[in-house]
Amino acid sequence: MRQAIWILWPSFIVGGIGEVLFFTVFDPKELYLFGEPANLSRHAAYTIGFFLCWAFAAASSALTCYLQRGAREVNR
């Protein structure tokens, strides 16, 4: 449980910051997916953007926790 908190809480904060920075530059109504306009409401675009940022930050935090293991933990 402790390791999940170490991964999810910082990634939640980074996901929020990443979303704010991304949508400060880009308007959700002007996004294109595969050459077609994304027909999403602003609320849906913000929600999807937040969860994508959170997922990427969580993956980064999980990789950091995985790589910081000591030799004894790896060789068990």
Protein backbone atom coordinates (compact mmCIF):
# COMPACT_ATOMS: atom_id res chain seq x y z
CA MET A 1 0.00 0.00 0.00
CA ARG A 2 2.82 2.36 0.86
CA GLN A 3 4.45 1.90 -2.54
CA ALA A 4 1.14 2.59 -4.31
CA ILE A 5 0.90 5.88 -2.43
CA TRP A 6 4.50 6.70 -3.37
CA ILE A 7 3.55 6.18 -7.01
CA LEU A 8 0.02 7.59 -7.27
CA TRP A 9 0.17 10.74 -5.13
CA PRO A 10 3.14 12.46 -6.83
CA SER A 11 1.88 11.37 -10.23
CA PHE A 12 -1.53 12.89 -9.42
CA ILE A 13 0.10 16.25 -8.73
CA VAL A 14 2.30 16.04 -11.84
CA GLY A 15 -0.72 14.98 -13.91
CA GLY A 16 -2.61 18.07 -12.77
CA ILE A 17 0.31 20.35 -13.53
CA GLY A 18 0.84 18.70 -16.92
CA GLU A 19 -2.80 19.14 -17.84
CA VAL A 20 -2.77 22.81 -16.85
CA LEU A 21 0.36 23.44 -18.91
CA PHE A 22 -0.94 21.52 -21.94
CA PHE A 23 -4.36 23.16 -22.03
CA THR A 24 -2.87 26.60 -21.41
CA VAL A 25 -1.23 26.26 -24.82
CA PHE A 26 -3.84 24.19 -26.71
CA ASP A 27 -7.60 24.72 -26.94
CA PRO A 28 -9.54 21.44 -26.52
CA LYS A 29 -11.88 22.40 -29.39
CA GLU A 30 -8.91 22.65 -31.79
CA LEU A 31 -7.49 19.16 -31.12
CA TYR A 32 -7.23 16.66 -33.98
CA LEU A 33 -7.04 12.87 -33.71
CA PHE A 34 -5.71 11.00 -36.75
CA GLY A 35 -6.35 14.00 -39.01
CA GLU A 36 -9.97 14.43 -37.92
CA PRO A 37 -11.28 17.02 -35.46
CA ALA A 38 -11.88 15.54 -32.01
CA ASN A 39 -15.61 15.87 -31.39
CA LEU A 40 -15.31 16.05 -27.61
CA SER A 41 -16.72 18.55 -25.20
CA ARG A 42 -14.20 20.67 -23.34
CA HIS A 43 -15.00 18.81 -20.12
CA ALA A 44 -14.36 15.44 -21.77
CA ALA A 45 -11.08 16.66 -23.29
CA TYR A 46 -9.91 17.98 -19.91
CA THR A 47 -10.84 14.69 -18.21
CA ILE A 48 -9.12 12.51 -20.79
CA GLY A 49 -6.08 14.81 -20.78
CA PHE A 50 -5.79 14.63 -17.01
CA PHE A 51 -5.99 10.83 -16.91
CA LEU A 52 -3.42 10.52 -19.71
CA CYS A 53 -1.02 12.87 -17.90
CA TRP A 54 -1.63 10.99 -14.65
CA ALA A 55 -1.01 7.63 -16.33
CA PHE A 56 2.29 8.78 -17.86
CA ALA A 57 3.44 10.25 -14.56
CA ALA A 58 2.40 7.08 -12.69
CA ALA A 59 4.34 4.95 -15.17
CA SER A 60 7.39 7.13 -14.59
CA SER A 61 7.05 6.89 -10.81
CA ALA A 62 6.51 3.12 -10.96
CA LEU A 63 9.60 2.71 -13.10
CA THR A 64 11.58 4.76 -10.60
CA CYS A 65 10.38 2.55 -7.71
CA TYR A 66 11.20 -0.55 -9.72
CA LEU A 67 14.72 0.62 -10.57
CA GLN A 68 15.61 1.74 -7.05
CA ARG A 69 15.40 -1.82 -5.68
CA GLY A 70 18.59 -3.15 -4.16
CA ALA A 71 20.53 -6.21 -5.27
CA ARG A 72 19.09 -8.32 -2.45
CA GLU A 73 15.51 -7.58 -3.51
CA VAL A 74 16.27 -8.33 -7.17
CA ASN A 75 18.04 -11.61 -6.45
CA ARG A 76 15.35 -13.09 -4.18
